[in-house]
Amino acid sequence: MVQTEVDELNAAIAAQQDGGPFATAIKRNKRALLIADLSKLAHYVQDNCGGDPASILNAGFTVGAITRASPPLDKPVIVGIDFGNSRELIVRVNRVPRGRMVEHCG
């Protein structure tokens, strides 16, 4: 089943080189189907191997790397507080290195 989908995707990739938008759409569809089936297969193997890395490797899959948690971020420091409109305070804080998000309360 998976090998057939791989072969169909390879054929669609070759056809897309000479084809137009229709051939590209077919290739994208074949790729999406293959990714979905591989994902289902990987979940099946993971569920039935009980998390045992040796069993997962014997099934022909690789074991994903364990990502390590990044160190905690520095705490933001309030630089200043300004009075905005009535019932509004504007708080300015310093940038936090590696910070990715600002949450506005209001």
N, C-alpha and C. Protein backbone atom coordinates (compact mmCIF):
# COMPACT_ATOMS: atom_id res chain seq x y z
N MET A 1 0.83 -1.19 0.00
CA MET A 1 0.00 0.00 0.00
C MET A 1 0.87 1.25 0.00
N VAL A 2 1.79 1.35 0.94
CA VAL A 2 2.64 2.54 1.01
C VAL A 2 3.57 2.58 -0.19
N GLN A 3 4.14 1.43 -0.57
CA GLN A 3 5.04 1.40 -1.72
C GLN A 3 4.32 1.83 -2.99
N THR A 4 3.06 1.43 -3.13
CA THR A 4 2.28 1.85 -4.29
C THR A 4 2.10 3.36 -4.30
N GLU A 5 1.83 3.92 -3.12
CA GLU A 5 1.66 5.38 -3.04
C GLU A 5 2.98 6.10 -3.33
N VAL A 6 4.09 5.54 -2.89
CA VAL A 6 5.40 6.14 -3.19
C VAL A 6 5.64 6.12 -4.70
N ASP A 7 5.35 4.99 -5.32
CA ASP A 7 5.52 4.88 -6.78
C ASP A 7 4.62 5.87 -7.52
N GLU A 8 3.37 6.01 -7.07
CA GLU A 8 2.45 6.96 -7.70
C GLU A 8 2.93 8.40 -7.53
N LEU A 9 3.48 8.70 -6.35
CA LEU A 9 4.01 10.05 -6.12
C LEU A 9 5.20 10.31 -7.03
N ASN A 10 6.11 9.34 -7.14
CA ASN A 10 7.26 9.52 -8.03
C ASN A 10 6.82 9.72 -9.47
N ALA A 11 5.81 8.98 -9.90
CA ALA A 11 5.28 9.16 -11.26
C ALA A 11 4.66 10.55 -11.42
N ALA A 12 3.95 11.00 -10.39
CA ALA A 12 3.32 12.33 -10.45
C ALA A 12 4.39 13.43 -10.47
N ILE A 13 5.49 13.21 -9.75
CA ILE A 13 6.59 14.20 -9.77
C ILE A 13 7.19 14.27 -11.17
N ALA A 14 7.39 13.12 -11.79
CA ALA A 14 7.94 13.10 -13.15
C ALA A 14 6.97 13.75 -14.14
N ALA A 15 5.68 13.48 -13.99
CA ALA A 15 4.68 14.07 -14.89
C ALA A 15 4.54 15.56 -14.67
N GLN A 16 4.77 16.01 -13.46
CA GLN A 16 4.63 17.43 -13.14
C GLN A 16 5.70 18.26 -13.83
N GLN A 17 6.83 17.65 -14.14
CA GLN A 17 7.90 18.38 -14.82
C GLN A 17 7.45 18.89 -16.18
N ASP A 18 6.61 18.10 -16.86
CA ASP A 18 6.15 18.47 -18.20
C ASP A 18 4.75 19.07 -18.19
N GLY A 19 4.01 18.84 -17.12
CA GLY A 19 2.61 19.27 -17.06
C GLY A 19 2.46 20.67 -16.51
N GLY A 20 1.22 21.07 -16.38
CA GLY A 20 0.93 22.40 -15.88
C GLY A 20 0.32 22.34 -14.49
N PRO A 21 -0.60 23.24 -14.20
CA PRO A 21 -1.21 23.31 -12.88
C PRO A 21 -1.97 22.04 -12.48
N PHE A 22 -2.58 21.37 -13.46
CA PHE A 22 -3.32 20.15 -13.16
C PHE A 22 -2.37 19.06 -12.66
N ALA A 23 -1.21 18.93 -13.32
CA ALA A 23 -0.22 17.93 -12.90
C ALA A 23 0.34 18.26 -11.52
N THR A 24 0.51 19.54 -11.25
CA THR A 24 0.99 19.96 -9.92
C THR A 24 -0.05 19.63 -8.86
N ALA A 25 -1.31 19.84 -9.15
CA ALA A 25 -2.38 19.52 -8.19
C ALA A 25 -2.42 18.02 -7.91
N ILE A 26 -2.24 17.21 -8.94
CA ILE A 26 -2.22 15.76 -8.75
C ILE A 26 -1.04 15.37 -7.87
N LYS A 27 0.13 15.95 -8.12
CA LYS A 27 1.31 15.65 -7.31
C LYS A 27 1.08 16.02 -5.85
N ARG A 28 0.53 17.19 -5.61
CA ARG A 28 0.26 17.62 -4.23
C ARG A 28 -0.73 16.69 -3.53
N ASN A 29 -1.74 16.22 -4.28
CA ASN A 29 -2.72 15.30 -3.72
C ASN A 29 -2.07 13.97 -3.36
N LYS A 30 -1.22 13.45 -4.25
CA LYS A 30 -0.52 12.19 -3.99
C LYS A 30 0.39 12.32 -2.76
N ARG A 31 1.08 13.46 -2.66
CA ARG A 31 1.97 13.68 -1.51
C ARG A 31 1.17 13.75 -0.22
N ALA A 32 0.04 14.44 -0.23
CA ALA A 32 -0.79 14.55 0.98
C ALA A 32 -1.31 13.19 1.42
N LEU A 33 -1.73 12.36 0.45
CA LEU A 33 -2.21 11.02 0.78
C LEU A 33 -1.10 10.17 1.38
N LEU A 34 0.09 10.25 0.82
CA LEU A 34 1.22 9.47 1.33
C LEU A 34 1.58 9.91 2.74
N ILE A 35 1.63 11.21 2.98
CA ILE A 35 1.96 11.73 4.31
C ILE A 35 0.91 11.29 5.32
N ALA A 36 -0.36 11.33 4.96
CA ALA A 36 -1.42 10.92 5.88
C ALA A 36 -1.31 9.44 6.22
N ASP A 37 -1.04 8.59 5.22
CA ASP A 37 -0.92 7.16 5.48
C ASP A 37 0.33 6.84 6.29
N LEU A 38 1.44 7.52 6.01
CA LEU A 38 2.65 7.30 6.81
C LEU A 38 2.44 7.73 8.26
N SER A 39 1.71 8.81 8.45
CA SER A 39 1.42 9.27 9.80
C SER A 39 0.57 8.25 10.55
N LYS A 40 -0.46 7.71 9.87
CA LYS A 40 -1.30 6.68 10.50
C LYS A 40 -0.47 5.44 10.85
N LEU A 41 0.40 5.04 9.94
CA LEU A 41 1.24 3.88 10.18
C LEU A 41 2.19 4.11 11.35
N ALA A 42 2.78 5.30 11.41
CA ALA A 42 3.69 5.62 12.51
C ALA A 42 2.96 5.61 13.85
N HIS A 43 1.75 6.15 13.89
CA HIS A 43 0.97 6.14 15.14
C HIS A 43 0.61 4.71 15.54
N TYR A 44 0.28 3.87 14.55
CA TYR A 44 -0.05 2.48 14.83
C TYR A 44 1.16 1.76 15.45
N VAL A 45 2.33 1.97 14.85
CA VAL A 45 3.54 1.33 15.37
C VAL A 45 3.84 1.84 16.77
N GLN A 46 3.74 3.13 16.98
CA GLN A 46 4.02 3.71 18.29
C GLN A 46 3.06 3.16 19.34
N ASP A 47 1.78 3.06 19.01
CA ASP A 47 0.79 2.56 19.97
C ASP A 47 1.01 1.09 20.30
N ASN A 48 1.45 0.30 19.33
CA ASN A 48 1.57 -1.13 19.53
C ASN A 48 2.96 -1.57 19.98
N CYS A 49 3.91 -0.68 20.01
CA CYS A 49 5.25 -1.03 20.50
C CYS A 49 5.42 -0.62 21.96
N GLY A 50 4.44 -0.02 22.55
CA GLY A 50 4.51 0.35 23.96
C GLY A 50 5.62 1.33 24.29
N GLY A 51 6.05 2.11 23.31
CA GLY A 51 7.09 3.10 23.57
C GLY A 51 8.49 2.50 23.65
N ASP A 52 8.65 1.21 23.32
CA ASP A 52 9.95 0.54 23.37
C ASP A 52 10.74 0.90 22.12
N PRO A 53 11.84 1.65 22.28
CA PRO A 53 12.61 2.07 21.09
C PRO A 53 13.11 0.91 20.24
N ALA A 54 13.49 -0.21 20.86
CA ALA A 54 13.99 -1.35 20.09
C ALA A 54 12.88 -1.91 19.19
N SER A 55 11.66 -2.00 19.69
CA SER A 55 10.55 -2.49 18.88
C SER A 55 10.24 -1.55 17.73
N ILE A 56 10.32 -0.26 17.99
CA ILE A 56 10.06 0.73 16.94
C ILE A 56 11.12 0.63 15.85
N LEU A 57 12.38 0.48 16.26
CA LEU A 57 13.46 0.33 15.28
C LEU A 57 13.31 -0.96 14.49
N ASN A 58 12.89 -2.04 15.14
CA ASN A 58 12.67 -3.31 14.43
C ASN A 58 11.54 -3.21 13.43
N ALA A 59 10.60 -2.30 13.65
CA ALA A 59 9.49 -2.10 12.72
C ALA A 59 9.90 -1.27 11.51
N GLY A 60 11.15 -0.80 11.50
CA GLY A 60 11.63 -0.05 10.35
C GLY A 60 11.51 1.46 10.47
N PHE A 61 11.15 1.94 11.64
CA PHE A 61 11.04 3.38 11.86
C PHE A 61 12.22 3.87 12.67
N THR A 62 12.46 5.15 12.61
CA THR A 62 13.48 5.75 13.47
C THR A 62 12.80 6.34 14.69
N VAL A 63 13.53 6.38 15.77
CA VAL A 63 13.00 6.94 17.00
C VAL A 63 13.30 8.43 16.99
N GLY A 64 12.28 9.24 17.23
CA GLY A 64 12.46 10.69 17.23
C GLY A 64 13.35 11.15 18.36
N ALA A 65 14.08 12.21 18.10
CA ALA A 65 14.94 12.77 19.14
C ALA A 65 14.11 13.40 20.24
N ILE A 66 14.56 13.25 21.43
CA ILE A 66 13.89 13.88 22.57
C ILE A 66 14.38 15.31 22.65
N THR A 67 13.46 16.23 22.57
CA THR A 67 13.85 17.63 22.65
C THR A 67 13.99 18.03 24.11
N ARG A 68 15.01 18.76 24.37
CA ARG A 68 15.24 19.22 25.73
C ARG A 68 14.58 20.57 25.92
N ALA A 69 14.06 20.76 27.09
CA ALA A 69 13.41 22.04 27.39
C ALA A 69 14.46 23.14 27.44
N SER A 70 14.11 24.27 26.90
CA SER A 70 15.04 25.39 26.95
C SER A 70 15.06 25.95 28.37
N PRO A 71 16.15 26.62 28.72
CA PRO A 71 16.21 27.19 30.06
C PRO A 71 15.13 28.25 30.23
N PRO A 72 14.70 28.48 31.46
CA PRO A 72 13.64 29.48 31.67
C PRO A 72 14.08 30.87 31.23
N LEU A 73 13.11 31.64 30.80
CA LEU A 73 13.39 33.01 30.36
C LEU A 73 13.66 33.91 31.55
N ASP A 74 14.39 34.99 31.28
CA ASP A 74 14.59 36.00 32.32
C ASP A 74 13.26 36.66 32.63
N LYS A 75 13.13 37.14 33.84
CA LYS A 75 11.89 37.83 34.21
C LYS A 75 11.93 39.24 33.64
N PRO A 76 10.81 39.71 33.10
CA PRO A 76 10.79 41.08 32.58
C PRO A 76 10.86 42.08 33.72
N VAL A 77 11.46 43.22 33.43
CA VAL A 77 11.59 44.28 34.42
C VAL A 77 10.77 45.47 33.95
N ILE A 78 9.96 46.03 34.83
CA ILE A 78 9.16 47.20 34.49
C ILE A 78 10.07 48.40 34.36
N VAL A 79 10.05 49.04 33.18
CA VAL A 79 10.89 50.20 32.91
C VAL A 79 10.16 51.48 33.29
N GLY A 80 8.86 51.50 33.08
CA GLY A 80 8.10 52.69 33.41
C GLY A 80 6.61 52.45 33.32
N ILE A 81 5.87 53.33 33.97
CA ILE A 81 4.41 53.26 33.93
C ILE A 81 3.92 54.65 33.56
N ASP A 82 3.10 54.71 32.53
CA ASP A 82 2.53 55.98 32.08
C ASP A 82 1.02 55.92 32.25
N PHE A 83 0.42 57.08 32.43
CA PHE A 83 -1.02 57.17 32.53
C PHE A 83 -1.57 57.43 31.13
N GLY A 84 -2.43 56.56 30.68
CA GLY A 84 -3.04 56.72 29.37
C GLY A 84 -4.37 57.43 29.53
N ASN A 85 -5.39 56.96 28.84
CA ASN A 85 -6.73 57.50 28.98
C ASN A 85 -7.25 57.18 30.38
N SER A 86 -8.46 57.66 30.67
CA SER A 86 -9.00 57.39 32.00
C SER A 86 -9.09 55.88 32.22
N ARG A 87 -8.76 55.46 33.40
CA ARG A 87 -8.78 54.05 33.80
C ARG A 87 -7.82 53.20 32.97
N GLU A 88 -6.70 53.79 32.52
CA GLU A 88 -5.76 53.06 31.70
C GLU A 88 -4.33 53.37 32.15
N LEU A 89 -3.56 52.34 32.35
CA LEU A 89 -2.14 52.48 32.63
C LEU A 89 -1.37 51.80 31.51
N ILE A 90 -0.27 52.42 31.12
CA ILE A 90 0.59 51.83 30.09
C ILE A 90 1.89 51.44 30.77
N VAL A 91 2.15 50.16 30.78
CA VAL A 91 3.35 49.64 31.44
C VAL A 91 4.37 49.30 30.37
N ARG A 92 5.58 49.82 30.53
CA ARG A 92 6.68 49.51 29.61
C ARG A 92 7.64 48.56 30.33
N VAL A 93 7.98 47.47 29.64
CA VAL A 93 8.90 46.48 30.21
C VAL A 93 10.07 46.30 29.26
N ASN A 94 11.19 45.79 29.82
CA ASN A 94 12.36 45.55 28.98
C ASN A 94 12.16 44.31 28.12
N ARG A 95 12.93 44.20 27.07
CA ARG A 95 12.88 43.01 26.22
C ARG A 95 13.47 41.83 26.98
N VAL A 96 12.89 40.67 26.75
CA VAL A 96 13.40 39.44 27.35
C VAL A 96 14.08 38.65 26.24
N PRO A 97 15.38 38.35 26.39
CA PRO A 97 16.06 37.57 25.36
C PRO A 97 15.36 36.23 25.15
N ARG A 98 15.25 35.80 23.92
CA ARG A 98 14.59 34.56 23.49
C ARG A 98 13.09 34.60 23.72
N GLY A 99 12.52 35.73 24.14
CA GLY A 99 11.08 35.84 24.30
C GLY A 99 10.41 35.87 22.94
N ARG A 100 9.28 35.19 22.80
CA ARG A 100 8.63 35.07 21.51
C ARG A 100 7.24 35.69 21.47
N MET A 101 6.69 36.08 22.59
CA MET A 101 5.31 36.51 22.60
C MET A 101 5.11 37.62 23.62
N VAL A 102 4.21 38.52 23.31
CA VAL A 102 3.81 39.56 24.24
C VAL A 102 2.32 39.38 24.48
N GLU A 103 1.91 39.31 25.72
CA GLU A 103 0.50 39.15 26.02
C GLU A 103 0.00 40.47 26.56
N HIS A 104 -1.00 41.01 25.90
CA HIS A 104 -1.61 42.27 26.32
C HIS A 104 -2.85 41.95 27.15
N CYS A 105 -2.92 42.54 28.30
CA CYS A 105 -4.12 42.36 29.13
C CYS A 105 -4.96 43.61 29.01
N GLY A 106 -6.23 43.43 28.96
CA GLY A 106 -7.01 44.64 28.89
C GLY A 106 -8.45 44.45 28.69
